[in-house]
């Protein structure tokens, strides 16, 4: 038996994390940016982040299905923002980001269960998941009943929680490594011995 260690860069986590973080920073400047520019820039970054996350899931990157669905939500929100950039609604943006946070919370719950042997890590993930899901639900409800003082406050809150999610992903990447190591065990194929000389004639 022979072993081979293979390292794979976790681009399916790194790239969406970076793109989402940029989108969140732009959300903090929502009051300073023209509405069309805000919609186009945030939409483009969310769309790119979601597409990379979804593709990474289907090509075998270590991404949970709930995180992939959160990426699909980003794609939907990003497309909507780009299509409606001339008539952009920040309340609908907050609604979409609320759905993203709920799905991110589901992903965190599964990660907490997977890391239950490490109690501190599981506890941190559980607390963060609770924060994501509560904020996500409030953002969704805010689209129908006023929960936040203003739409701008809802967008900033969504951006802050999503930025926290990105910071958490970065922390666990630094802790666990930007590369995933896989140990492949295989048995070398033995070739049959070459046959002898040709048989003589009778």
C-alpha atoms as a PDB file:
ATOM      1  CA  UNK A   1       0.000   0.000   0.000  1.00  0.00           C
ATOM      2  CA  UNK A   2       1.267   3.456  -0.866  1.00  0.00           C
ATOM      3  CA  UNK A   3       0.145   6.845   0.468  1.00  0.00           C
ATOM      4  CA  UNK A   4       0.085  10.222  -1.212  1.00  0.00           C
ATOM      5  CA  UNK A   5      -0.797  13.544   0.448  1.00  0.00           C
ATOM      6  CA  UNK A   6      -2.554  16.066  -1.766  1.00  0.00           C
ATOM      7  CA  UNK A   7      -3.119  19.729  -0.860  1.00  0.00           C
ATOM      8  CA  UNK A   8      -6.016  21.676  -2.349  1.00  0.00           C
ATOM      9  CA  UNK A   9      -6.404  25.443  -1.958  1.00  0.00           C
ATOM     10  CA  UNK A  10      -9.788  26.277  -0.433  1.00  0.00           C
ATOM     11  CA  UNK A  11     -10.669  28.894  -3.032  1.00  0.00           C
ATOM     12  CA  UNK A  12     -14.351  28.035  -2.658  1.00  0.00           C
ATOM     13  CA  UNK A  13     -14.260  29.660   0.786  1.00  0.00           C
ATOM     14  CA  UNK A  14     -11.584  32.339   0.327  1.00  0.00           C
ATOM     15  CA  UNK A  15     -12.931  34.007  -2.824  1.00  0.00           C
ATOM     16  CA  UNK A  16     -16.617  34.282  -1.758  1.00  0.00           C
ATOM     17  CA  UNK A  17     -15.504  35.504   1.673  1.00  0.00           C
ATOM     18  CA  UNK A  18     -13.435  38.324   0.153  1.00  0.00           C
ATOM     19  CA  UNK A  19     -16.129  39.353  -2.334  1.00  0.00           C
ATOM     20  CA  UNK A  20     -18.837  39.337   0.339  1.00  0.00           C
ATOM     21  CA  UNK A  21     -16.658  41.439   2.653  1.00  0.00           C
ATOM     22  CA  UNK A  22     -16.251  44.087  -0.060  1.00  0.00           C
ATOM     23  CA  UNK A  23     -20.023  44.125  -0.619  1.00  0.00           C
ATOM     24  CA  UNK A  24     -20.574  44.609   3.130  1.00  0.00           C
ATOM     25  CA  UNK A  25     -18.156  47.544   3.252  1.00  0.00           C
ATOM     26  CA  UNK A  26     -20.074  49.159   0.397  1.00  0.00           C
ATOM     27  CA  UNK A  27     -23.306  48.699   2.358  1.00  0.00           C
ATOM     28  CA  UNK A  28     -21.866  50.792   5.183  1.00  0.00           C
ATOM     29  CA  UNK A  29     -21.472  53.635   2.686  1.00  0.00           C
ATOM     30  CA  UNK A  30     -25.036  53.317   1.370  1.00  0.00           C
ATOM     31  CA  UNK A  31     -25.936  56.861   2.407  1.00  0.00           C
ATOM     32  CA  UNK A  32     -22.920  58.377   0.623  1.00  0.00           C
ATOM     33  CA  UNK A  33     -23.275  56.468  -2.647  1.00  0.00           C
ATOM     34  CA  UNK A  34     -25.869  57.193  -5.342  1.00  0.00           C
ATOM     35  CA  UNK A  35     -28.567  54.544  -5.293  1.00  0.00           C
ATOM     36  CA  UNK A  36     -27.735  53.261  -8.780  1.00  0.00           C
ATOM     37  CA  UNK A  37     -24.015  52.985  -7.997  1.00  0.00           C
ATOM     38  CA  UNK A  38     -24.764  51.212  -4.718  1.00  0.00           C
ATOM     39  CA  UNK A  39     -27.048  48.694  -6.422  1.00  0.00           C
ATOM     40  CA  UNK A  40     -24.614  48.010  -9.256  1.00  0.00           C
ATOM     41  CA  UNK A  41     -21.539  47.595  -7.046  1.00  0.00           C
ATOM     42  CA  UNK A  42     -23.142  45.579  -4.255  1.00  0.00           C
ATOM     43  CA  UNK A  43     -25.056  43.486  -6.782  1.00  0.00           C
ATOM     44  CA  UNK A  44     -21.930  42.684  -8.779  1.00  0.00           C
ATOM     45  CA  UNK A  45     -19.949  41.573  -5.727  1.00  0.00           C
ATOM     46  CA  UNK A  46     -22.813  39.491  -4.307  1.00  0.00           C
ATOM     47  CA  UNK A  47     -23.438  37.878  -7.686  1.00  0.00           C
ATOM     48  CA  UNK A  48     -19.766  36.975  -8.122  1.00  0.00           C
ATOM     49  CA  UNK A  49     -19.504  35.670  -4.560  1.00  0.00           C
ATOM     50  CA  UNK A  50     -22.574  33.475  -4.899  1.00  0.00           C
ATOM     51  CA  UNK A  51     -21.523  32.081  -8.266  1.00  0.00           C
ATOM     52  CA  UNK A  52     -18.063  31.128  -7.010  1.00  0.00           C
ATOM     53  CA  UNK A  53     -19.564  29.485  -3.917  1.00  0.00           C
ATOM     54  CA  UNK A  54     -22.080  27.466  -5.945  1.00  0.00           C
ATOM     55  CA  UNK A  55     -19.498  26.346  -8.503  1.00  0.00           C
ATOM     56  CA  UNK A  56     -17.056  25.415  -5.739  1.00  0.00           C
ATOM     57  CA  UNK A  57     -19.673  23.205  -4.094  1.00  0.00           C
ATOM     58  CA  UNK A  58     -20.298  21.248  -7.275  1.00  0.00           C
ATOM     59  CA  UNK A  59     -16.609  20.747  -8.070  1.00  0.00           C
ATOM     60  CA  UNK A  60     -15.860  19.210  -4.688  1.00  0.00           C
ATOM     61  CA  UNK A  61     -14.657  22.061  -2.474  1.00  0.00           C
ATOM     62  CA  UNK A  62     -15.370  21.531   1.273  1.00  0.00           C
ATOM     63  CA  UNK A  63     -18.570  23.597   1.399  1.00  0.00           C
ATOM     64  CA  UNK A  64     -21.770  22.603   3.192  1.00  0.00           C
ATOM     65  CA  UNK A  65     -24.996  22.433   1.189  1.00  0.00           C
ATOM     66  CA  UNK A  66     -26.581  25.151   3.342  1.00  0.00           C
ATOM     67  CA  UNK A  67     -23.647  27.456   2.580  1.00  0.00           C
ATOM     68  CA  UNK A  68     -24.124  26.705  -1.105  1.00  0.00           C
ATOM     69  CA  UNK A  69     -27.802  27.661  -0.818  1.00  0.00           C
ATOM     70  CA  UNK A  70     -26.728  30.886   0.870  1.00  0.00           C
ATOM     71  CA  UNK A  71     -24.524  31.464  -2.158  1.00  0.00           C
ATOM     72  CA  UNK A  72     -27.492  30.883  -4.460  1.00  0.00           C
ATOM     73  CA  UNK A  73     -29.346  33.515  -2.425  1.00  0.00           C
ATOM     74  CA  UNK A  74     -26.468  35.907  -3.051  1.00  0.00           C
ATOM     75  CA  UNK A  75     -26.765  35.215  -6.772  1.00  0.00           C
ATOM     76  CA  UNK A  76     -30.485  36.026  -6.668  1.00  0.00           C
ATOM     77  CA  UNK A  77     -29.983  39.225  -4.669  1.00  0.00           C
ATOM     78  CA  UNK A  78     -27.079  40.287  -6.869  1.00  0.00           C
ATOM     79  CA  UNK A  79     -29.004  39.718 -10.091  1.00  0.00           C
ATOM     80  CA  UNK A  80     -32.019  41.558  -8.736  1.00  0.00           C
ATOM     81  CA  UNK A  81     -29.849  44.522  -7.666  1.00  0.00           C
ATOM     82  CA  UNK A  82     -28.222  44.737 -11.092  1.00  0.00           C
ATOM     83  CA  UNK A  83     -31.502  44.451 -12.988  1.00  0.00           C
ATOM     84  CA  UNK A  84     -33.293  47.048 -10.842  1.00  0.00           C
ATOM     85  CA  UNK A  85     -30.313  49.352 -10.258  1.00  0.00           C
ATOM     86  CA  UNK A  86     -32.227  52.356 -11.619  1.00  0.00           C
ATOM     87  CA  UNK A  87     -35.158  51.652  -9.273  1.00  0.00           C
ATOM     88  CA  UNK A  88     -33.293  50.034  -6.390  1.00  0.00           C
ATOM     89  CA  UNK A  89     -35.117  49.162  -3.154  1.00  0.00           C
ATOM     90  CA  UNK A  90     -32.941  48.844  -0.051  1.00  0.00           C
ATOM     91  CA  UNK A  91     -35.764  47.139   1.850  1.00  0.00           C
ATOM     92  CA  UNK A  92     -35.770  44.257  -0.641  1.00  0.00           C
ATOM     93  CA  UNK A  93     -31.969  44.104  -0.346  1.00  0.00           C
ATOM     94  CA  UNK A  94     -32.319  43.746   3.426  1.00  0.00           C
ATOM     95  CA  UNK A  95     -34.914  41.000   2.888  1.00  0.00           C
ATOM     96  CA  UNK A  96     -32.568  39.009   0.652  1.00  0.00           C
ATOM     97  CA  UNK A  97     -29.674  39.415   3.061  1.00  0.00           C
ATOM     98  CA  UNK A  98     -31.929  38.207   5.862  1.00  0.00           C
ATOM     99  CA  UNK A  99     -32.509  34.980   3.934  1.00  0.00           C
ATOM    100  CA  UNK A 100     -28.742  34.691   3.444  1.00  0.00           C
ATOM    101  CA  UNK A 101     -28.133  35.028   7.193  1.00  0.00           C
ATOM    102  CA  UNK A 102     -30.719  32.357   8.023  1.00  0.00           C
ATOM    103  CA  UNK A 103     -29.037  29.909   5.628  1.00  0.00           C
ATOM    104  CA  UNK A 104     -25.618  30.886   6.997  1.00  0.00           C
ATOM    105  CA  UNK A 105     -26.952  30.058  10.465  1.00  0.00           C
ATOM    106  CA  UNK A 106     -28.044  26.612   9.277  1.00  0.00           C
ATOM    107  CA  UNK A 107     -24.554  26.042   7.900  1.00  0.00           C
ATOM    108  CA  UNK A 108     -23.069  27.131  11.236  1.00  0.00           C
ATOM    109  CA  UNK A 109     -25.279  24.696  13.135  1.00  0.00           C
ATOM    110  CA  UNK A 110     -24.016  21.792  11.043  1.00  0.00           C
ATOM    111  CA  UNK A 111     -20.430  22.975  11.539  1.00  0.00           C
ATOM    112  CA  UNK A 112     -21.025  23.171  15.293  1.00  0.00           C
ATOM    113  CA  UNK A 113     -22.347  19.611  15.341  1.00  0.00           C
ATOM    114  CA  UNK A 114     -19.360  18.421  13.301  1.00  0.00           C
ATOM    115  CA  UNK A 115     -16.937  20.067  15.747  1.00  0.00           C
ATOM    116  CA  UNK A 116     -18.749  19.012  18.931  1.00  0.00           C
ATOM    117  CA  UNK A 117     -15.611  17.209  20.129  1.00  0.00           C
ATOM    118  CA  UNK A 118     -14.031  20.667  20.452  1.00  0.00           C
ATOM    119  CA  UNK A 119     -16.450  22.232  22.889  1.00  0.00           C
ATOM    120  CA  UNK A 120     -15.164  25.805  22.660  1.00  0.00           C
ATOM    121  CA  UNK A 121     -15.384  25.832  18.863  1.00  0.00           C
ATOM    122  CA  UNK A 122     -18.843  24.265  18.896  1.00  0.00           C
ATOM    123  CA  UNK A 123     -20.036  26.803  21.482  1.00  0.00           C
ATOM    124  CA  UNK A 124     -18.738  29.767  19.462  1.00  0.00           C
ATOM    125  CA  UNK A 125     -20.354  28.474  16.278  1.00  0.00           C
ATOM    126  CA  UNK A 126     -23.650  27.880  18.092  1.00  0.00           C
ATOM    127  CA  UNK A 127     -23.717  31.413  19.524  1.00  0.00           C
ATOM    128  CA  UNK A 128     -22.914  32.925  16.132  1.00  0.00           C
ATOM    129  CA  UNK A 129     -25.574  30.771  14.472  1.00  0.00           C
ATOM    130  CA  UNK A 130     -28.136  32.087  16.955  1.00  0.00           C
ATOM    131  CA  UNK A 131     -27.105  35.659  16.179  1.00  0.00           C
ATOM    132  CA  UNK A 132     -27.328  35.069  12.435  1.00  0.00           C
ATOM    133  CA  UNK A 133     -30.734  33.430  12.531  1.00  0.00           C
ATOM    134  CA  UNK A 134     -32.279  36.039  14.860  1.00  0.00           C
ATOM    135  CA  UNK A 135     -30.949  38.914  12.759  1.00  0.00           C
ATOM    136  CA  UNK A 136     -32.004  37.189   9.549  1.00  0.00           C
ATOM    137  CA  UNK A 137     -35.553  36.683  10.781  1.00  0.00           C
ATOM    138  CA  UNK A 138     -35.768  40.308  11.937  1.00  0.00           C
ATOM    139  CA  UNK A 139     -34.590  41.498   8.522  1.00  0.00           C
ATOM    140  CA  UNK A 140     -37.209  39.351   6.798  1.00  0.00           C
ATOM    141  CA  UNK A 141     -39.983  40.543   9.126  1.00  0.00           C
ATOM    142  CA  UNK A 142     -38.849  44.155   8.662  1.00  0.00           C
ATOM    143  CA  UNK A 143     -39.955  43.953   5.032  1.00  0.00           C
ATOM    144  CA  UNK A 144     -43.544  43.581   6.236  1.00  0.00           C
ATOM    145  CA  UNK A 145     -43.578  45.190   9.706  1.00  0.00           C
ATOM    146  CA  UNK A 146     -41.243  47.951  10.848  1.00  0.00           C
ATOM    147  CA  UNK A 147     -38.609  46.447  13.164  1.00  0.00           C
ATOM    148  CA  UNK A 148     -35.560  48.632  12.532  1.00  0.00           C
ATOM    149  CA  UNK A 149     -35.640  52.430  12.911  1.00  0.00           C
ATOM    150  CA  UNK A 150     -34.993  52.866   9.180  1.00  0.00           C
ATOM    151  CA  UNK A 151     -34.233  50.904   6.036  1.00  0.00           C
ATOM    152  CA  UNK A 152     -30.671  52.193   6.202  1.00  0.00           C
ATOM    153  CA  UNK A 153     -30.291  50.739   9.695  1.00  0.00           C
ATOM    154  CA  UNK A 154     -31.518  47.372   8.419  1.00  0.00           C
ATOM    155  CA  UNK A 155     -28.996  47.400   5.552  1.00  0.00           C
ATOM    156  CA  UNK A 156     -26.127  48.364   7.876  1.00  0.00           C
ATOM    157  CA  UNK A 157     -27.148  45.636  10.354  1.00  0.00           C
ATOM    158  CA  UNK A 158     -27.214  43.056   7.576  1.00  0.00           C
ATOM    159  CA  UNK A 159     -23.809  44.216   6.362  1.00  0.00           C
ATOM    160  CA  UNK A 160     -22.355  44.059   9.871  1.00  0.00           C
ATOM    161  CA  UNK A 161     -23.568  40.501  10.481  1.00  0.00           C
ATOM    162  CA  UNK A 162     -22.386  39.345   7.070  1.00  0.00           C
ATOM    163  CA  UNK A 163     -18.995  40.946   7.732  1.00  0.00           C
ATOM    164  CA  UNK A 164     -18.891  39.080  11.049  1.00  0.00           C
ATOM    165  CA  UNK A 165     -19.624  35.872   9.138  1.00  0.00           C
ATOM    166  CA  UNK A 166     -16.709  36.631   6.800  1.00  0.00           C
ATOM    167  CA  UNK A 167     -14.421  37.339   9.766  1.00  0.00           C
ATOM    168  CA  UNK A 168     -15.442  34.034  11.311  1.00  0.00           C
ATOM    169  CA  UNK A 169     -14.661  32.180   8.083  1.00  0.00           C
ATOM    170  CA  UNK A 170     -11.267  33.898   7.932  1.00  0.00           C
ATOM    171  CA  UNK A 171     -10.516  32.937  11.544  1.00  0.00           C
ATOM    172  CA  UNK A 172     -11.255  29.271  10.962  1.00  0.00           C
ATOM    173  CA  UNK A 173      -9.297  29.348   7.703  1.00  0.00           C
ATOM    174  CA  UNK A 174      -6.254  30.723   9.508  1.00  0.00           C
ATOM    175  CA  UNK A 175      -6.718  28.181  12.258  1.00  0.00           C
ATOM    176  CA  UNK A 176      -7.327  25.183  10.021  1.00  0.00           C
ATOM    177  CA  UNK A 177      -5.240  26.216   7.046  1.00  0.00           C
ATOM    178  CA  UNK A 178      -5.981  27.642   3.625  1.00  0.00           C
ATOM    179  CA  UNK A 179      -5.240  24.246   2.113  1.00  0.00           C
ATOM    180  CA  UNK A 180      -7.163  21.029   2.612  1.00  0.00           C
ATOM    181  CA  UNK A 181      -4.964  17.985   2.962  1.00  0.00           C
ATOM    182  CA  UNK A 182      -6.152  14.653   1.612  1.00  0.00           C
ATOM    183  CA  UNK A 183      -4.292  11.400   2.115  1.00  0.00           C
ATOM    184  CA  UNK A 184      -4.783   9.004  -0.764  1.00  0.00           C
ATOM    185  CA  UNK A 185      -4.089   5.341  -0.111  1.00  0.00           C
ATOM    186  CA  UNK A 186      -3.747   3.067  -3.089  1.00  0.00           C
ATOM    187  CA  UNK A 187      -2.256  -0.260  -4.049  1.00  0.00           C
ATOM    188  CA  UNK A 188       0.222  -0.226  -6.925  1.00  0.00           C
ATOM    189  CA  UNK A 189      -0.864  -2.252  -9.911  1.00  0.00           C
ATOM    190  CA  UNK A 190       1.477  -5.164 -10.520  1.00  0.00           C
ATOM    191  CA  UNK A 191       2.026  -6.046 -14.129  1.00  0.00           C
ATOM    192  CA  UNK A 192       2.014  -9.739 -15.017  1.00  0.00           C
ATOM    193  CA  UNK A 193       5.432 -11.152 -15.912  1.00  0.00           C
ATOM    194  CA  UNK A 194       6.315 -11.047 -19.572  1.00  0.00           C
ATOM    195  CA  UNK A 195       5.616 -14.290 -21.430  1.00  0.00           C
ATOM    196  CA  UNK A 196       8.528 -16.492 -22.500  1.00  0.00           C
ATOM    197  CA  UNK A 197       9.850 -16.972 -26.036  1.00  0.00           C
ATOM    198  CA  UNK A 198       7.634 -18.227 -28.836  1.00  0.00           C
ATOM    199  CA  UNK A 199       6.935 -21.982 -28.881  1.00  0.00           C
ATOM    200  CA  UNK A 200       8.935 -24.126 -31.343  1.00  0.00           C
ATOM    201  CA  UNK A 201       7.434 -25.630 -34.453  1.00  0.00           C
ATOM    202  CA  UNK A 202       6.471 -29.362 -34.562  1.00  0.00           C
END
